[in-house]
Amino acid sequence: MIAVTPIIYFKILTNNGLKLTGLTKKIIYLSIVWLGYSASTLLWLDDLPRFMTEYIQLILLLLLTLALVNSINTLDDVKSTNFFLIFSGCLVSLKSFYESLSADYTEINYYAFISLVTCIAIPISYLNFRSTKSVLLAILFVSIGFLGIVANESRASTLLGVLLLVVRFFYLFDTRKGMKWIIVSVVLLIAPIGIFRYYNMNDENILKSVLDVERNYSNLERLALINQSIDTYKSNLLGVGYGSTNAVFMSAASYTELNYPHPHNSLAHIAVEIGTVGILIFVYLFYLCIKVILYLNKIKDNLTELNSLYKVSICIVMVLFLFSFLDDMFFNGMFNFYCMMFFAYIYSLSNINQKSAQHVA
């Protein structure tokens, strides 16, 4: 039954009228390879219960990705989606900050990731320096986003949030710059610093600690996990089996002092589980993102809406790519869900064409 799942998956999609064109076709073929090869690891994996849980989750995530990709076709769809993402992201950030005031609050890393994408990456991509309303909204959303990040004490999201601001203002900058551009840039860049000082995170030098590989214990443990992943991959080029990372990294042979259920690195995770095929899948996920960015760059011209889509695609893909090396997007079910949702969002932008953008403009 499991072995023929990719065929069933393909038939269900085509029988329900899904057109196999463009990026959708590529995602379907990627899904079939991912599901098919993962199923083949049943021949040698040891953790069957974990496999069943992870495999069903993978099917649902890939179906969701295809559904989302085909649900955004116009600029109006994009606007509605952005509104939903920003609004829900602000709620998550404010909820996290409020609950973090309690002494027994447990940080949730993917909440910080959600805040990073929805409250920082998307709003700054649509920032128009010639609109006071746009400027004020950007400052508000970015501040709320960093509140959510700080509340969940995510060093990775903190670093990427600051990096996003730098990239947005010094690379993806608008053509006309003036005093307002300088003021807004300064305010947005120092906003996180003010929030950090007010909230007083446990690590006083959080940005520095992310890059400290000699004295920071967490970083040393993560490097040990990467070394274990490399050695495991070298000895199992076909992978140890889908859903088996927990068994590998929680074993007595672990390279770390503490036990971790995953390597805190998405590429390491998929390489350990499904080997070289997993590495190719990881690369292909981002290859499709780059294709979308190049497509948007080709059609954007001087249209404001398409320029904004081009910027938001770069910002979100940058977050997904860098975050994938700082944490494991394939282990936690909810984190995996949100990551695939943002991949689907990027892929869906390939449905937008210049004609519809001109119509809206």
Protein backbone atom coordinates (compact mmCIF):
# COMPACT_ATOMS: atom_id res chain seq x y z
CA MET A 1 0.00 0.00 0.00
CA ILE A 2 2.75 2.43 0.98
CA ALA A 3 4.84 1.54 -2.06
CA VAL A 4 2.05 2.55 -4.47
CA THR A 5 1.19 5.77 -2.60
CA PRO A 6 2.96 8.02 -5.17
CA ILE A 7 0.85 6.51 -7.97
CA ILE A 8 -2.38 6.97 -5.98
CA TYR A 9 -1.27 10.52 -5.15
CA PHE A 10 -0.72 11.29 -8.84
CA LYS A 11 -4.07 9.80 -9.91
CA ILE A 12 -6.05 11.72 -7.27
CA LEU A 13 -4.53 15.02 -8.38
CA THR A 14 -5.06 14.48 -12.09
CA ASN A 15 -8.59 13.04 -11.71
CA ASN A 16 -9.63 16.14 -9.78
CA GLY A 17 -8.77 18.40 -12.67
CA LEU A 18 -5.40 19.75 -11.52
CA LYS A 19 -3.60 21.00 -14.63
CA LEU A 20 -0.10 19.61 -14.99
CA THR A 21 1.48 22.78 -16.33
CA GLY A 22 4.38 24.99 -15.30
CA LEU A 23 5.54 24.93 -11.72
CA THR A 24 2.64 22.75 -10.60
CA LYS A 25 3.92 19.91 -12.77
CA LYS A 26 7.40 20.24 -11.26
CA ILE A 27 6.01 20.18 -7.71
CA ILE A 28 3.94 17.07 -8.47
CA TYR A 29 6.97 15.25 -9.89
CA LEU A 30 9.05 16.34 -6.91
CA SER A 31 6.33 15.03 -4.59
CA ILE A 32 6.24 11.66 -6.35
CA VAL A 33 10.02 11.27 -6.05
CA TRP A 34 9.97 12.36 -2.41
CA LEU A 35 7.14 10.00 -1.48
CA GLY A 36 8.39 7.16 -3.63
CA TYR A 37 11.96 7.12 -2.39
CA SER A 38 10.89 7.66 1.23
CA ALA A 39 8.62 4.61 0.89
CA SER A 40 11.51 2.55 -0.48
CA THR A 41 13.50 3.09 2.73
CA LEU A 42 11.03 0.70 4.39
CA LEU A 43 13.34 -2.02 3.10
CA TRP A 44 16.03 -1.11 5.63
CA LEU A 45 14.72 1.31 8.27
CA ASP A 46 14.24 0.24 11.91
CA ASP A 47 11.67 2.70 13.26
CA LEU A 48 8.41 1.73 11.51
CA PRO A 49 5.99 3.59 13.85
CA ARG A 50 7.92 6.82 13.37
CA PHE A 51 8.00 6.25 9.62
CA MET A 52 4.22 5.90 9.45
CA THR A 53 3.68 9.15 11.37
CA GLU A 54 6.20 11.12 9.33
CA TYR A 55 5.07 9.65 5.99
CA ILE A 56 1.41 10.52 6.50
CA GLN A 57 2.49 14.00 7.54
CA LEU A 58 4.58 14.32 4.36
CA ILE A 59 1.61 13.36 2.17
CA LEU A 60 -0.57 15.98 3.84
CA LEU A 61 2.10 18.67 3.56
CA LEU A 62 2.69 18.06 -0.14
CA LEU A 63 -1.04 18.08 -0.85
CA LEU A 64 -1.33 21.33 1.11
CA THR A 65 1.55 22.82 -0.86
CA LEU A 66 -0.15 22.04 -4.16
CA ALA A 67 -3.46 23.41 -2.90
CA LEU A 68 -1.86 26.68 -1.81
CA VAL A 69 0.13 27.06 -5.01
CA ASN A 70 -3.05 26.84 -7.05
CA SER A 71 -5.08 29.11 -4.76
CA ILE A 72 -3.14 32.29 -5.61
CA ASN A 73 -3.54 33.40 -9.21
CA THR A 74 -4.05 37.17 -9.17
CA LEU A 75 -2.68 40.22 -7.38
CA ASP A 76 -5.92 40.41 -5.42
CA ASP A 77 -5.25 36.89 -4.16
CA VAL A 78 -1.76 37.98 -3.12
CA LYS A 79 -3.10 41.03 -1.27
CA SER A 80 -5.66 38.93 0.61
CA THR A 81 -3.00 36.37 1.52
CA ASN A 82 -0.58 39.06 2.69
CA PHE A 83 -3.27 40.62 4.88
CA PHE A 84 -4.03 37.26 6.47
CA LEU A 85 -0.34 36.44 7.02
CA ILE A 86 0.53 39.82 8.54
CA PHE A 87 -2.58 39.93 10.74
CA SER A 88 -2.09 36.37 12.04
CA GLY A 89 1.65 36.99 12.48
CA CYS A 90 0.97 40.06 14.63
CA LEU A 91 -1.43 38.03 16.77
CA VAL A 92 1.20 35.31 17.24
CA SER A 93 3.85 37.89 18.16
CA LEU A 94 1.68 39.76 20.65
CA LYS A 95 0.42 36.51 22.17
CA SER A 96 3.99 35.30 22.60
CA PHE A 97 5.11 38.56 24.17
CA TYR A 98 2.17 38.66 26.59
CA GLU A 99 2.64 35.03 27.65
CA SER A 100 6.41 35.48 27.99
CA LEU A 101 5.80 37.91 30.85
CA SER A 102 4.89 34.84 32.89
CA ALA A 103 7.78 33.04 34.59
CA ASP A 104 6.68 29.60 33.36
CA TYR A 105 6.49 30.51 29.67
CA THR A 106 8.19 28.02 27.33
CA GLU A 107 9.75 29.52 24.20
CA ILE A 108 8.44 28.19 20.88
CA ASN A 109 11.02 28.58 18.15
CA TYR A 110 8.69 28.42 15.17
CA TYR A 111 6.63 31.28 16.61
CA ALA A 112 9.72 33.46 16.19
CA PHE A 113 10.06 32.18 12.62
CA ILE A 114 6.44 33.12 11.88
CA SER A 115 7.03 36.61 13.30
CA LEU A 116 10.14 36.97 11.16
CA VAL A 117 8.39 36.19 7.88
CA THR A 118 4.96 37.74 8.43
CA CYS A 119 5.81 40.86 10.45
CA ILE A 120 9.21 41.75 9.00
CA ALA A 121 9.90 40.15 5.59
CA ILE A 122 6.51 40.87 3.99
CA PRO A 123 5.83 44.41 5.36
CA ILE A 124 9.28 45.82 4.54
CA SER A 125 9.00 44.44 1.00
CA TYR A 126 5.88 46.56 0.43
CA LEU A 127 7.27 49.65 2.17
CA ASN A 128 6.74 52.80 0.11
CA PHE A 129 8.92 55.67 1.40
CA ARG A 130 6.70 58.24 -0.29
CA SER A 131 3.68 57.16 1.78
CA THR A 132 3.54 58.19 5.43
CA LYS A 133 0.93 55.50 6.11
CA SER A 134 3.15 52.82 4.60
CA VAL A 135 6.13 54.01 6.65
CA LEU A 136 4.21 54.02 9.95
CA LEU A 137 2.71 50.59 9.28
CA ALA A 138 6.14 49.15 8.47
CA ILE A 139 7.60 50.51 11.72
CA LEU A 140 4.62 49.10 13.66
CA PHE A 141 4.80 45.63 12.09
CA VAL A 142 8.58 45.35 12.40
CA SER A 143 8.41 46.35 16.08
CA ILE A 144 5.67 43.77 16.75
CA GLY A 145 7.69 41.17 14.86
CA PHE A 146 10.77 41.72 16.98
CA LEU A 147 8.65 41.56 20.14
CA GLY A 148 7.59 38.07 19.09
CA ILE A 149 11.15 37.06 18.27
CA VAL A 150 12.52 38.37 21.55
CA ALA A 151 9.71 36.73 23.53
CA ASN A 152 10.72 33.34 22.11
CA GLU A 153 14.45 34.04 22.51
CA SER A 154 15.38 32.94 19.00
CA ARG A 155 18.96 33.89 18.17
CA ALA A 156 18.56 32.75 14.57
CA SER A 157 15.44 34.85 13.97
CA THR A 158 17.08 37.86 15.62
CA LEU A 159 20.10 37.66 13.34
CA LEU A 160 17.98 37.11 10.23
CA GLY A 161 15.61 39.93 11.17
CA VAL A 162 18.44 42.44 11.32
CA LEU A 163 19.92 40.99 8.12
CA LEU A 164 16.56 41.41 6.35
CA LEU A 165 16.43 45.08 7.28
CA VAL A 166 19.96 45.65 6.05
CA VAL A 167 19.28 43.87 2.75
CA ARG A 168 15.99 45.70 2.25
CA PHE A 169 17.41 49.18 2.79
CA PHE A 170 20.85 48.84 1.26
CA TYR A 171 20.20 46.47 -1.62
CA LEU A 172 16.50 46.36 -2.46
CA PHE A 173 16.25 50.12 -1.93
CA ASP A 174 13.84 52.36 -3.81
CA THR A 175 15.07 54.53 -6.66
CA ARG A 176 14.25 57.88 -5.07
CA LYS A 177 15.90 58.41 -1.74
CA GLY A 178 15.78 61.44 0.52
CA MET A 179 15.64 62.49 4.14
CA LYS A 180 12.54 60.35 4.77
CA TRP A 181 14.39 57.27 3.49
CA ILE A 182 17.28 57.94 5.88
CA ILE A 183 14.98 58.54 8.87
CA VAL A 184 12.89 55.43 8.24
CA SER A 185 16.01 53.30 7.74
CA VAL A 186 17.52 54.46 11.02
CA VAL A 187 14.27 53.98 12.95
CA LEU A 188 13.71 50.47 11.62
CA LEU A 189 17.30 49.42 12.16
CA ILE A 190 17.44 50.61 15.76
CA ALA A 191 13.94 49.38 16.67
CA PRO A 192 15.14 45.87 17.58
CA ILE A 193 17.97 47.31 19.68
CA GLY A 194 15.50 49.33 21.76
CA ILE A 195 13.26 46.30 22.21
CA PHE A 196 16.21 44.14 23.29
CA ARG A 197 17.29 46.67 25.92
CA TYR A 198 13.75 47.00 27.25
CA TYR A 199 13.01 43.30 27.40
CA ASN A 200 16.51 42.21 28.53
CA MET A 201 17.03 38.87 26.87
CA ASN A 202 18.97 36.21 28.74
CA ASP A 203 21.92 36.50 26.38
CA GLU A 204 23.25 40.07 26.52
CA ASN A 205 25.15 39.70 23.25
CA ILE A 206 22.68 37.61 21.34
CA LEU A 207 23.89 38.50 17.83
CA LYS A 208 27.51 37.91 18.76
CA SER A 209 26.67 34.60 20.42
CA VAL A 210 25.17 33.26 17.19
CA LEU A 211 28.58 33.44 15.53
CA ASP A 212 30.65 32.36 18.55
CA VAL A 213 31.75 28.78 17.82
CA GLU A 214 34.49 28.63 20.46
CA ARG A 215 32.73 29.52 23.73
CA ASN A 216 29.00 29.19 23.08
CA TYR A 217 27.89 25.75 24.31
CA SER A 218 24.85 25.58 22.05
CA ASN A 219 26.93 26.27 18.96
CA LEU A 220 29.48 23.62 19.94
CA GLU A 221 26.70 21.06 20.32
CA ARG A 222 25.26 22.01 16.92
CA LEU A 223 28.67 21.59 15.29
CA ALA A 224 28.92 18.15 16.88
CA LEU A 225 25.50 17.29 15.43
CA ILE A 226 26.66 18.37 11.97
CA ASN A 227 29.76 16.18 12.29
CA GLN A 228 27.56 13.25 13.31
CA SER A 229 25.27 13.94 10.34
CA ILE A 230 28.20 13.98 7.91
CA ASP A 231 29.59 10.70 9.26
CA THR A 232 26.14 9.08 9.19
CA TYR A 233 25.56 10.20 5.61
CA LYS A 234 28.97 8.93 4.47
CA SER A 235 28.21 5.50 5.89
CA ASN A 236 24.64 5.47 4.55
CA LEU A 237 24.51 7.23 1.18
CA LEU A 238 21.00 5.87 0.62
CA GLY A 239 19.87 7.22 3.99
CA VAL A 240 19.10 5.47 7.27
CA GLY A 241 15.37 5.55 6.56
CA TYR A 242 12.59 8.10 6.48
CA GLY A 243 11.62 9.21 9.99
CA SER A 244 14.76 7.73 11.59
CA THR A 245 16.60 10.86 12.77
CA ASN A 246 15.18 10.53 16.27
CA ALA A 247 16.64 7.03 16.62
CA VAL A 248 20.00 8.11 15.18
CA PHE A 249 20.59 11.24 17.25
CA MET A 250 19.09 9.95 20.51
CA SER A 251 21.29 6.85 20.46
CA ALA A 252 24.15 6.12 22.84
CA ALA A 253 26.56 6.77 19.97
CA SER A 254 25.62 10.44 19.82
CA TYR A 255 28.47 12.93 19.39
CA THR A 256 26.93 15.42 21.84
CA GLU A 257 26.83 15.66 25.62
CA LEU A 258 23.06 16.14 25.64
CA ASN A 259 20.54 14.18 23.59
CA TYR A 260 18.88 15.86 20.61
CA PRO A 261 16.15 14.28 18.43
CA HIS A 262 17.41 15.99 15.27
CA PRO A 263 20.55 17.73 13.94
CA HIS A 264 19.18 21.33 14.09
CA ASN A 265 19.91 21.60 10.38
CA SER A 266 17.41 20.87 7.60
CA LEU A 267 19.93 19.70 5.00
CA ALA A 268 21.61 17.42 7.54
CA HIS A 269 18.22 15.99 8.52
CA ILE A 270 17.08 15.07 5.02
CA ALA A 271 20.56 13.81 4.04
CA VAL A 272 20.67 11.48 7.04
CA GLU A 273 17.17 10.11 6.44
CA ILE A 274 17.00 9.69 2.66
CA GLY A 275 20.61 10.19 1.64
CA THR A 276 21.71 11.68 -1.67
CA VAL A 277 18.14 11.80 -2.95
CA GLY A 278 17.26 13.95 0.06
CA ILE A 279 20.05 16.38 -0.76
CA LEU A 280 18.76 16.68 -4.33
CA ILE A 281 15.21 17.30 -3.05
CA PHE A 282 16.49 20.03 -0.72
CA VAL A 283 18.38 21.70 -3.57
CA TYR A 284 15.39 21.42 -5.89
CA LEU A 285 13.05 23.11 -3.39
CA PHE A 286 15.24 26.22 -3.50
CA TYR A 287 15.94 25.88 -7.22
CA LEU A 288 12.21 26.35 -7.83
CA CYS A 289 12.28 29.42 -5.56
CA ILE A 290 15.12 30.93 -7.59
CA LYS A 291 13.15 30.29 -10.79
CA VAL A 292 10.25 32.28 -9.35
CA ILE A 293 12.56 35.16 -8.34
CA LEU A 294 14.09 35.28 -11.82
CA TYR A 295 10.60 35.20 -13.37
CA LEU A 296 9.42 38.11 -11.22
CA ASN A 297 12.59 40.05 -12.01
CA LYS A 298 11.92 39.54 -15.70
CA ILE A 299 8.33 40.84 -15.65
CA LYS A 300 8.45 43.50 -12.92
CA ASP A 301 9.55 46.49 -15.07
CA ASN A 302 8.42 49.64 -13.26
CA LEU A 303 5.12 48.30 -11.94
CA THR A 304 4.88 48.89 -8.18
CA GLU A 305 3.00 45.68 -7.40
CA LEU A 306 5.39 43.43 -9.29
CA ASN A 307 8.41 45.21 -7.79
CA SER A 308 6.99 44.47 -4.34
CA LEU A 309 6.46 40.81 -5.23
CA TYR A 310 10.05 40.61 -6.44
CA LYS A 311 11.29 42.04 -3.13
CA VAL A 312 9.09 39.85 -0.96
CA SER A 313 10.19 36.73 -2.86
CA ILE A 314 13.86 37.54 -2.22
CA CYS A 315 13.26 38.28 1.47
CA ILE A 316 11.24 35.13 2.19
CA VAL A 317 13.54 32.82 0.21
CA MET A 318 16.54 34.28 2.01
CA VAL A 319 14.86 33.58 5.37
CA LEU A 320 13.92 30.02 4.36
CA PHE A 321 17.39 29.24 3.02
CA LEU A 322 19.39 30.64 5.93
CA PHE A 323 16.99 29.37 8.58
CA SER A 324 17.20 25.87 7.10
CA PHE A 325 20.85 25.74 8.16
CA LEU A 326 20.16 27.16 11.61
CA ASP A 327 17.25 24.88 12.52
CA ASP A 328 15.46 21.74 11.34
CA MET A 329 12.38 22.53 9.27
CA PHE A 330 11.65 18.84 8.63
CA PHE A 331 11.38 17.48 12.19
CA ASN A 332 8.71 19.43 14.04
CA GLY A 333 5.29 18.92 12.46
CA MET A 334 4.06 22.48 12.96
CA PHE A 335 7.36 24.05 11.92
CA ASN A 336 7.37 21.87 8.82
CA PHE A 337 3.81 22.99 8.06
CA TYR A 338 4.70 26.70 8.23
CA CYS A 339 7.87 26.28 6.17
CA MET A 340 6.05 24.41 3.39
CA MET A 341 3.31 27.06 3.52
CA PHE A 342 5.88 29.78 2.79
CA PHE A 343 7.48 27.66 0.05
CA ALA A 344 4.01 27.34 -1.49
CA TYR A 345 3.49 31.10 -1.19
CA ILE A 346 6.68 31.73 -3.18
CA TYR A 347 5.80 29.12 -5.80
CA SER A 348 2.32 30.61 -6.22
CA LEU A 349 3.83 33.95 -7.30
CA SER A 350 4.75 32.29 -10.60
CA ASN A 351 1.01 32.39 -11.41
CA ILE A 352 1.06 36.19 -11.53
CA ASN A 353 1.56 37.71 -14.97
CA GLN A 354 2.32 41.23 -16.17
CA LYS A 355 -1.05 41.65 -17.88
CA SER A 356 -3.03 41.16 -14.68
CA ALA A 357 -0.67 43.50 -12.83
CA GLN A 358 -1.18 46.25 -15.40
CA HIS A 359 -4.93 45.75 -15.12
CA VAL A 360 -4.79 46.30 -11.35
CA ALA A 361 -2.46 49.27 -11.67
